[in-house]
Each structure stands twice: as C-alpha cells, then as structure tokens.
N, C-alpha and C. Protein backbone atom coordinates (compact mmCIF):
# COMPACT_ATOMS: atom_id res chain seq x y z
N MET A 1 7.14 31.86 50.34
CA MET A 1 7.82 32.05 49.16
C MET A 1 6.84 32.45 48.00
N ALA A 2 7.26 33.40 47.19
CA ALA A 2 6.42 33.83 46.12
C ALA A 2 6.05 32.84 45.08
N ASN A 3 4.86 32.87 44.57
CA ASN A 3 4.42 31.99 43.53
C ASN A 3 4.75 32.70 42.20
N THR A 4 5.65 32.09 41.45
CA THR A 4 6.02 32.69 40.17
C THR A 4 5.93 31.70 39.07
N ILE A 5 5.99 32.22 37.86
CA ILE A 5 6.07 31.48 36.63
C ILE A 5 7.11 32.10 35.67
N THR A 6 7.89 31.30 35.04
CA THR A 6 8.88 31.84 34.16
C THR A 6 8.27 32.14 32.74
N ALA A 7 8.88 32.94 31.96
CA ALA A 7 8.40 33.25 30.63
C ALA A 7 8.28 31.98 29.79
N LYS A 8 9.26 31.09 29.91
CA LYS A 8 9.17 29.87 29.15
C LYS A 8 8.03 29.01 29.55
N GLU A 9 7.76 28.86 30.90
CA GLU A 9 6.64 28.13 31.33
C GLU A 9 5.30 28.71 30.86
N LEU A 10 5.17 30.06 30.94
CA LEU A 10 3.97 30.72 30.50
C LEU A 10 3.79 30.55 29.00
N LYS A 11 4.85 30.70 28.25
CA LYS A 11 4.75 30.43 26.85
C LYS A 11 4.23 29.03 26.42
N CYS A 12 4.74 28.08 27.17
CA CYS A 12 4.30 26.70 26.97
C CYS A 12 2.87 26.51 27.26
N ARG A 13 2.40 27.13 28.33
CA ARG A 13 0.98 27.01 28.75
C ARG A 13 0.09 27.67 27.67
N ILE A 14 0.53 28.86 27.23
CA ILE A 14 -0.30 29.54 26.18
C ILE A 14 -0.33 28.72 24.90
N GLU A 15 0.82 28.22 24.46
CA GLU A 15 0.93 27.47 23.22
C GLU A 15 0.25 26.12 23.28
N SER A 16 0.04 25.61 24.45
CA SER A 16 -0.77 24.35 24.62
C SER A 16 -2.22 24.57 24.51
N GLY A 17 -2.63 25.83 24.50
CA GLY A 17 -4.05 26.17 24.39
C GLY A 17 -4.77 26.32 25.68
N GLU A 18 -4.00 26.34 26.79
CA GLU A 18 -4.61 26.50 28.11
C GLU A 18 -5.24 27.83 28.21
N THR A 19 -6.45 27.92 28.72
CA THR A 19 -7.13 29.14 28.90
C THR A 19 -6.63 29.86 30.17
N LEU A 20 -6.01 31.01 29.96
CA LEU A 20 -5.47 31.75 31.09
C LEU A 20 -6.00 33.16 31.07
N MET A 21 -6.19 33.79 32.21
CA MET A 21 -6.40 35.22 32.31
C MET A 21 -5.06 35.83 32.75
N ILE A 22 -4.69 36.71 31.83
CA ILE A 22 -3.30 37.32 32.02
C ILE A 22 -3.55 38.86 32.21
N TYR A 23 -3.00 39.36 33.35
CA TYR A 23 -3.24 40.74 33.75
C TYR A 23 -1.94 41.55 33.68
N ASP A 24 -1.96 42.55 32.86
CA ASP A 24 -0.80 43.45 32.71
C ASP A 24 -0.98 44.57 33.79
N LEU A 25 -0.04 44.67 34.70
CA LEU A 25 -0.11 45.61 35.79
C LEU A 25 0.96 46.74 35.65
N ARG A 26 1.53 46.89 34.47
CA ARG A 26 2.58 47.90 34.36
C ARG A 26 2.11 49.32 34.56
N ARG A 27 3.01 50.15 35.09
CA ARG A 27 2.76 51.56 35.28
C ARG A 27 2.52 52.13 33.86
N GLN A 28 1.75 53.25 33.83
CA GLN A 28 1.40 53.90 32.50
C GLN A 28 2.60 54.17 31.67
N ALA A 29 3.67 54.74 32.33
CA ALA A 29 4.91 55.13 31.64
C ALA A 29 5.54 53.91 30.99
N ASP A 30 5.58 52.80 31.74
CA ASP A 30 6.17 51.60 31.17
C ASP A 30 5.34 51.02 30.01
N PHE A 31 3.99 51.12 30.19
CA PHE A 31 3.17 50.63 29.08
C PHE A 31 3.32 51.50 27.83
N GLU A 32 3.35 52.83 28.01
CA GLU A 32 3.56 53.75 26.87
C GLU A 32 4.92 53.54 26.21
N ALA A 33 5.90 53.15 26.97
CA ALA A 33 7.30 52.87 26.40
C ALA A 33 7.26 51.64 25.48
N ASP A 34 6.34 50.66 25.83
CA ASP A 34 6.29 49.39 25.05
C ASP A 34 4.87 48.89 25.25
N PRO A 35 3.93 49.37 24.39
CA PRO A 35 2.50 49.00 24.64
C PRO A 35 2.14 47.61 24.19
N GLU A 36 2.99 46.76 23.80
CA GLU A 36 2.67 45.39 23.44
C GLU A 36 2.35 44.59 24.65
N LEU A 37 1.14 43.89 24.59
CA LEU A 37 0.69 43.07 25.67
C LEU A 37 1.05 41.64 25.39
N LEU A 38 1.15 40.82 26.43
CA LEU A 38 1.31 39.43 26.28
C LEU A 38 0.01 38.89 25.63
N PRO A 39 0.14 37.77 24.96
CA PRO A 39 -1.02 37.17 24.25
C PRO A 39 -2.23 37.05 25.22
N GLY A 40 -3.38 37.66 24.86
CA GLY A 40 -4.59 37.55 25.66
C GLY A 40 -4.63 38.43 26.93
N ALA A 41 -3.57 39.26 27.16
CA ALA A 41 -3.51 39.96 28.41
C ALA A 41 -4.47 41.17 28.33
N VAL A 42 -4.92 41.58 29.51
CA VAL A 42 -5.71 42.79 29.66
C VAL A 42 -5.02 43.67 30.75
N ARG A 43 -5.15 45.00 30.50
CA ARG A 43 -4.54 45.92 31.41
C ARG A 43 -5.44 46.05 32.69
N MET A 44 -4.81 46.09 33.88
CA MET A 44 -5.59 46.29 35.10
C MET A 44 -4.75 47.22 36.00
N ASP A 45 -5.41 47.96 36.80
CA ASP A 45 -4.79 48.91 37.73
C ASP A 45 -4.49 48.11 39.01
N PRO A 46 -3.16 47.93 39.33
CA PRO A 46 -2.82 47.08 40.43
C PRO A 46 -3.35 47.76 41.75
N ALA A 47 -3.51 49.06 41.81
CA ALA A 47 -4.06 49.72 42.97
C ALA A 47 -5.52 49.36 43.23
N LYS A 48 -6.17 48.83 42.28
CA LYS A 48 -7.57 48.51 42.39
C LYS A 48 -7.78 46.96 42.42
N ALA A 49 -6.81 46.19 42.77
CA ALA A 49 -6.89 44.69 42.74
C ALA A 49 -7.99 44.25 43.61
N GLY A 50 -8.37 44.96 44.70
CA GLY A 50 -9.51 44.51 45.50
C GLY A 50 -10.78 44.54 44.72
N GLU A 51 -10.89 45.43 43.77
CA GLU A 51 -12.08 45.58 42.94
C GLU A 51 -12.20 44.55 41.91
N TRP A 52 -11.14 44.24 41.20
CA TRP A 52 -11.18 43.24 40.11
C TRP A 52 -10.80 41.84 40.50
N ALA A 53 -10.43 41.64 41.77
CA ALA A 53 -10.01 40.26 42.24
C ALA A 53 -11.25 39.28 42.10
N GLY A 54 -12.48 39.83 42.29
CA GLY A 54 -13.65 38.96 42.24
C GLY A 54 -13.83 38.32 40.86
N GLY A 55 -13.23 38.86 39.85
CA GLY A 55 -13.38 38.36 38.51
C GLY A 55 -12.27 37.32 38.12
N LEU A 56 -11.43 37.00 39.10
CA LEU A 56 -10.38 36.06 38.81
C LEU A 56 -10.97 34.68 38.69
N PRO A 57 -10.43 33.82 37.84
CA PRO A 57 -10.94 32.46 37.57
C PRO A 57 -10.82 31.61 38.86
N GLU A 58 -11.87 30.86 39.19
CA GLU A 58 -11.88 30.02 40.36
C GLU A 58 -10.85 28.91 40.37
N ASP A 59 -10.50 28.54 39.08
CA ASP A 59 -9.59 27.37 38.94
C ASP A 59 -8.14 27.71 38.98
N GLY A 60 -7.76 28.93 39.33
CA GLY A 60 -6.41 29.39 39.43
C GLY A 60 -5.68 29.67 38.13
N ARG A 61 -6.40 29.75 37.05
CA ARG A 61 -5.72 29.98 35.73
C ARG A 61 -5.59 31.48 35.47
N ALA A 62 -4.87 32.16 36.30
CA ALA A 62 -4.57 33.61 36.15
C ALA A 62 -3.06 33.82 36.39
N VAL A 63 -2.53 34.80 35.71
CA VAL A 63 -1.14 35.22 35.85
C VAL A 63 -1.10 36.72 35.82
N ILE A 64 -0.27 37.31 36.65
CA ILE A 64 -0.05 38.78 36.61
C ILE A 64 1.37 39.10 36.26
N TYR A 65 1.55 40.25 35.67
CA TYR A 65 2.94 40.71 35.40
C TYR A 65 2.98 42.23 35.39
N CYS A 66 4.19 42.73 35.67
CA CYS A 66 4.47 44.11 35.55
C CYS A 66 5.65 44.31 34.62
N ALA A 67 6.37 45.39 34.70
CA ALA A 67 7.41 45.65 33.71
C ALA A 67 8.58 44.64 33.93
N ARG A 68 9.03 44.44 35.18
CA ARG A 68 10.20 43.67 35.40
C ARG A 68 10.03 42.58 36.48
N GLY A 69 8.76 42.29 36.89
CA GLY A 69 8.50 41.31 37.87
C GLY A 69 8.96 41.69 39.30
N GLY A 70 8.85 42.95 39.57
CA GLY A 70 9.24 43.49 40.82
C GLY A 70 8.16 43.86 41.82
N SER A 71 8.26 44.99 42.37
CA SER A 71 7.43 45.42 43.47
C SER A 71 5.94 45.44 43.11
N ILE A 72 5.55 45.84 41.90
CA ILE A 72 4.15 45.92 41.52
C ILE A 72 3.57 44.49 41.52
N SER A 73 4.18 43.60 40.87
CA SER A 73 3.68 42.21 40.79
C SER A 73 3.67 41.58 42.23
N LYS A 74 4.66 41.86 43.02
CA LYS A 74 4.78 41.24 44.38
C LYS A 74 3.67 41.81 45.25
N SER A 75 3.50 43.15 45.24
CA SER A 75 2.51 43.70 46.14
C SER A 75 1.09 43.40 45.72
N THR A 76 0.83 43.31 44.41
CA THR A 76 -0.51 42.93 43.93
C THR A 76 -0.75 41.42 44.27
N GLN A 77 0.32 40.56 44.14
CA GLN A 77 0.16 39.25 44.51
C GLN A 77 -0.25 39.06 46.04
N GLU A 78 0.38 39.89 46.90
CA GLU A 78 0.04 39.84 48.24
C GLU A 78 -1.36 40.28 48.53
N ALA A 79 -1.82 41.33 47.83
CA ALA A 79 -3.19 41.78 48.00
C ALA A 79 -4.21 40.83 47.51
N LEU A 80 -3.89 40.09 46.51
CA LEU A 80 -4.76 39.02 45.95
C LEU A 80 -4.73 37.88 46.95
N ALA A 81 -3.63 37.54 47.50
CA ALA A 81 -3.49 36.42 48.47
C ALA A 81 -4.34 36.82 49.76
N ASP A 82 -4.39 38.02 50.14
CA ASP A 82 -5.14 38.46 51.30
C ASP A 82 -6.67 38.19 51.07
N GLN A 83 -7.05 38.13 49.76
CA GLN A 83 -8.47 37.91 49.38
C GLN A 83 -8.65 36.36 49.04
N GLY A 84 -7.65 35.56 49.25
CA GLY A 84 -7.78 34.12 49.04
C GLY A 84 -7.42 33.62 47.67
N HIS A 85 -6.72 34.45 46.92
CA HIS A 85 -6.38 34.02 45.51
C HIS A 85 -4.86 33.79 45.43
N ASP A 86 -4.56 32.63 44.90
CA ASP A 86 -3.09 32.27 44.72
C ASP A 86 -2.80 32.46 43.27
N VAL A 87 -2.26 33.63 42.90
CA VAL A 87 -1.96 33.96 41.57
C VAL A 87 -0.48 34.15 41.27
N PRO A 88 0.14 33.40 40.40
CA PRO A 88 1.54 33.60 40.18
C PRO A 88 1.87 34.86 39.38
N TYR A 89 3.01 35.39 39.57
CA TYR A 89 3.43 36.50 38.73
C TYR A 89 4.61 36.05 37.88
N LEU A 90 4.77 36.70 36.74
CA LEU A 90 5.78 36.41 35.72
C LEU A 90 7.15 36.91 36.21
N GLU A 91 8.02 35.92 36.41
CA GLU A 91 9.43 36.34 36.78
C GLU A 91 10.02 37.15 35.69
N GLY A 92 10.58 38.25 36.08
CA GLY A 92 11.16 39.18 35.15
C GLY A 92 10.17 40.03 34.36
N GLY A 93 8.94 39.82 34.58
CA GLY A 93 7.84 40.59 34.00
C GLY A 93 7.88 40.67 32.49
N HIS A 94 7.35 41.80 31.95
CA HIS A 94 7.15 41.96 30.51
C HIS A 94 8.51 41.91 29.83
N ALA A 95 9.55 42.42 30.55
CA ALA A 95 10.87 42.39 29.91
C ALA A 95 11.38 40.98 29.72
N ALA A 96 11.13 40.05 30.61
CA ALA A 96 11.52 38.67 30.38
C ALA A 96 10.78 38.05 29.19
N TRP A 97 9.47 38.43 29.13
CA TRP A 97 8.72 37.90 28.01
C TRP A 97 9.28 38.37 26.65
N MET A 98 9.60 39.59 26.62
CA MET A 98 10.04 40.20 25.31
C MET A 98 11.43 39.73 24.99
N ASN A 99 12.20 39.34 25.99
CA ASN A 99 13.61 38.93 25.70
C ASN A 99 13.77 37.39 25.52
N GLN A 100 12.67 36.65 25.44
CA GLN A 100 12.77 35.22 25.24
C GLN A 100 13.48 34.98 23.89
N GLY A 101 14.45 34.08 23.94
CA GLY A 101 15.08 33.65 22.72
C GLY A 101 16.20 34.63 22.24
N LYS A 102 16.27 35.72 22.85
CA LYS A 102 17.37 36.72 22.48
C LYS A 102 18.68 36.18 23.11
N GLY A 103 19.79 36.26 22.39
CA GLY A 103 21.01 35.85 22.89
C GLY A 103 21.29 34.36 22.98
N SER A 104 20.37 33.61 22.40
CA SER A 104 20.55 32.13 22.44
C SER A 104 21.31 31.71 21.17
C-alpha cells in the first residue's frame, strides 16, 4: 500500500514547526499554471529521483507531491523505495493543498 499524507496532516506538521523536506514534482506546465509552492518546498525533476535521492533526510522527514497526487508521485515514490527511502506523497497533490478549507 502506498505511503501517503493528507493535506490536513501535512499542514499540522508544518504548523507544529517540524522540519520537513518537501519536494514539488509537478510537470512544468502544471507548475507554470500555478507556480505557488507549498511552504518550504523545492522543485525537483522526478525523472532524476535517483540523483537527488541521496539528499533525502535520513530520519524520514520528507514529503513529495505532484499536481494531483497521481502517477508522478506514485512512480517517484516507487523509485525512491527501490533505493531504500520510505517517502510519503501528498494525497490529491498540489490541488488538495490549495483547496484546503474551500467549501467548508
């Protein structure tokens, strides 16, 4: 089963002051459509996960996300797992983060 985190859970962790490495894996077109990053996030190329995986925190305090929490997050998570990293991805991706609190 995939290791995921909800937008609400991630927000609580960020607001509690927990140090997290957050990686934005969105396609360029998705990023250009909405260039706002999650707090503290850095853009990474999911196709190069093998290259940047060595920089992941040893204590498991990393989260990845794409536009909607779909294939990019899942395939990158699998690639990272192949290298021994257990990194959750954001359920619903950037869209879920941006839609928090709307419609409530």
